[in-house]
Amino acid sequence: MDTTIRNLDEHLYRKLKAQAALGGKTMGEAVSDAIRVYLARPEALPRSGSLCDLVPEPYPDGNENLSTEIDAIAYGR
């Protein structure tokens, strides 16, 4: 596939191009490898589930009136 990518960091592009050349790869192969590695990262996976699956964490002691204090700050109450 032929494509144009804009706004690349010139320094990173040149570095990747040099690494690709040293490894006997084309830029297309190097970019495909980089995309493959990026997509394999766990945080790149789509999240599934629901907000209902989240377990709330209790506020530490001393914050029992937090919502009232926030209202006072935000609304002057």
C-alpha atoms as a PDB file:
ATOM      1  CA  MET A   1       0.000   0.000   0.000  1.00  0.00           C
ATOM      2  CA  ASP A   2       1.285   3.452  -0.850  1.00  0.00           C
ATOM      3  CA  THR A   3       0.461   6.232   1.591  1.00  0.00           C
ATOM      4  CA  THR A   4       1.587   9.660   2.710  1.00  0.00           C
ATOM      5  CA  ILE A   5       2.180  10.412   6.378  1.00  0.00           C
ATOM      6  CA  ARG A   6       2.432  14.031   7.433  1.00  0.00           C
ATOM      7  CA  ASN A   7       3.928  15.676  10.500  1.00  0.00           C
ATOM      8  CA  LEU A   8       6.545  13.031  11.255  1.00  0.00           C
ATOM      9  CA  ASP A   9       9.385  13.957  13.551  1.00  0.00           C
ATOM     10  CA  GLU A  10      12.242  14.451  11.080  1.00  0.00           C
ATOM     11  CA  HIS A  11      14.881  13.204  13.527  1.00  0.00           C
ATOM     12  CA  LEU A  12      12.956   9.994  14.246  1.00  0.00           C
ATOM     13  CA  TYR A  13      12.285   9.462  10.538  1.00  0.00           C
ATOM     14  CA  ARG A  14      15.977   9.755   9.655  1.00  0.00           C
ATOM     15  CA  LYS A  15      16.924   7.457  12.526  1.00  0.00           C
ATOM     16  CA  LEU A  16      14.431   4.808  11.395  1.00  0.00           C
ATOM     17  CA  LYS A  17      15.593   5.155   7.791  1.00  0.00           C
ATOM     18  CA  ALA A  18      19.214   4.601   8.861  1.00  0.00           C
ATOM     19  CA  GLN A  19      18.288   1.600  11.038  1.00  0.00           C
ATOM     20  CA  ALA A  20      16.273   0.122   8.183  1.00  0.00           C
ATOM     21  CA  ALA A  21      19.168   0.536   5.749  1.00  0.00           C
ATOM     22  CA  LEU A  22      21.609  -1.044   8.196  1.00  0.00           C
ATOM     23  CA  GLY A  23      19.219  -3.960   8.623  1.00  0.00           C
ATOM     24  CA  GLY A  24      18.717  -4.379   4.879  1.00  0.00           C
ATOM     25  CA  LYS A  25      15.046  -3.370   5.082  1.00  0.00           C
ATOM     26  CA  THR A  26      12.984  -0.886   3.163  1.00  0.00           C
ATOM     27  CA  MET A  27      11.259   1.982   4.960  1.00  0.00           C
ATOM     28  CA  GLY A  28       7.933   0.263   4.289  1.00  0.00           C
ATOM     29  CA  GLU A  29       9.151  -2.870   6.068  1.00  0.00           C
ATOM     30  CA  ALA A  30      10.535  -0.827   8.973  1.00  0.00           C
ATOM     31  CA  VAL A  31       7.321   1.156   9.396  1.00  0.00           C
ATOM     32  CA  SER A  32       5.245  -2.029   9.192  1.00  0.00           C
ATOM     33  CA  ASP A  33       7.453  -3.586  11.884  1.00  0.00           C
ATOM     34  CA  ALA A  34       7.035  -0.494  14.076  1.00  0.00           C
ATOM     35  CA  ILE A  35       3.250  -0.553  13.658  1.00  0.00           C
ATOM     36  CA  ARG A  36       3.179  -4.279  14.440  1.00  0.00           C
ATOM     37  CA  VAL A  37       5.166  -3.744  17.658  1.00  0.00           C
ATOM     38  CA  TYR A  38       2.982  -0.791  18.657  1.00  0.00           C
ATOM     39  CA  LEU A  39      -0.229  -2.746  18.135  1.00  0.00           C
ATOM     40  CA  ALA A  40       1.106  -5.704  20.149  1.00  0.00           C
ATOM     41  CA  ARG A  41       1.366  -3.532  23.274  1.00  0.00           C
ATOM     42  CA  PRO A  42      -1.371  -4.349  25.804  1.00  0.00           C
ATOM     43  CA  GLU A  43      -2.467  -0.717  26.125  1.00  0.00           C
ATOM     44  CA  ALA A  44      -3.104  -0.598  22.363  1.00  0.00           C
ATOM     45  CA  LEU A  45      -5.765  -3.304  22.612  1.00  0.00           C
ATOM     46  CA  PRO A  46      -9.363  -2.165  22.565  1.00  0.00           C
ATOM     47  CA  ARG A  47     -10.930  -2.193  25.986  1.00  0.00           C
ATOM     48  CA  SER A  48     -14.004  -4.195  26.649  1.00  0.00           C
ATOM     49  CA  GLY A  49     -16.361  -4.227  29.555  1.00  0.00           C
ATOM     50  CA  SER A  50     -18.608  -1.750  31.202  1.00  0.00           C
ATOM     51  CA  LEU A  51     -18.394   1.016  33.748  1.00  0.00           C
ATOM     52  CA  CYS A  52     -20.543  -1.272  35.884  1.00  0.00           C
ATOM     53  CA  ASP A  53     -17.542  -3.632  36.107  1.00  0.00           C
ATOM     54  CA  LEU A  54     -15.470  -0.997  37.913  1.00  0.00           C
ATOM     55  CA  VAL A  55     -15.121  -1.334  41.669  1.00  0.00           C
ATOM     56  CA  PRO A  56     -15.185   1.989  43.515  1.00  0.00           C
ATOM     57  CA  GLU A  57     -12.314   2.821  45.815  1.00  0.00           C
ATOM     58  CA  PRO A  58     -13.111   4.349  49.185  1.00  0.00           C
ATOM     59  CA  TYR A  59     -11.910   7.838  49.997  1.00  0.00           C
ATOM     60  CA  PRO A  60      -9.357   7.978  52.797  1.00  0.00           C
ATOM     61  CA  ASP A  61     -10.573   8.962  56.257  1.00  0.00           C
ATOM     62  CA  GLY A  62     -11.113  12.665  56.709  1.00  0.00           C
ATOM     63  CA  ASN A  63     -12.845  13.168  53.359  1.00  0.00           C
ATOM     64  CA  GLU A  64     -16.418  12.474  54.476  1.00  0.00           C
ATOM     65  CA  ASN A  65     -17.520  16.028  53.611  1.00  0.00           C
ATOM     66  CA  LEU A  66     -15.590  16.279  50.353  1.00  0.00           C
ATOM     67  CA  SER A  67     -18.613  16.820  48.090  1.00  0.00           C
ATOM     68  CA  THR A  68     -19.898  19.599  50.375  1.00  0.00           C
ATOM     69  CA  GLU A  69     -16.466  21.246  50.389  1.00  0.00           C
ATOM     70  CA  ILE A  70     -16.247  21.026  46.597  1.00  0.00           C
ATOM     71  CA  ASP A  71     -19.696  22.591  46.271  1.00  0.00           C
ATOM     72  CA  ALA A  72     -18.606  25.430  48.552  1.00  0.00           C
ATOM     73  CA  ILE A  73     -15.536  26.071  46.417  1.00  0.00           C
ATOM     74  CA  ALA A  74     -17.290  25.692  43.056  1.00  0.00           C
ATOM     75  CA  TYR A  75     -20.620  27.349  43.845  1.00  0.00           C
ATOM     76  CA  GLY A  76     -19.821  29.507  46.858  1.00  0.00           C
ATOM     77  CA  ARG A  77     -22.278  27.600  49.032  1.00  0.00           C
END
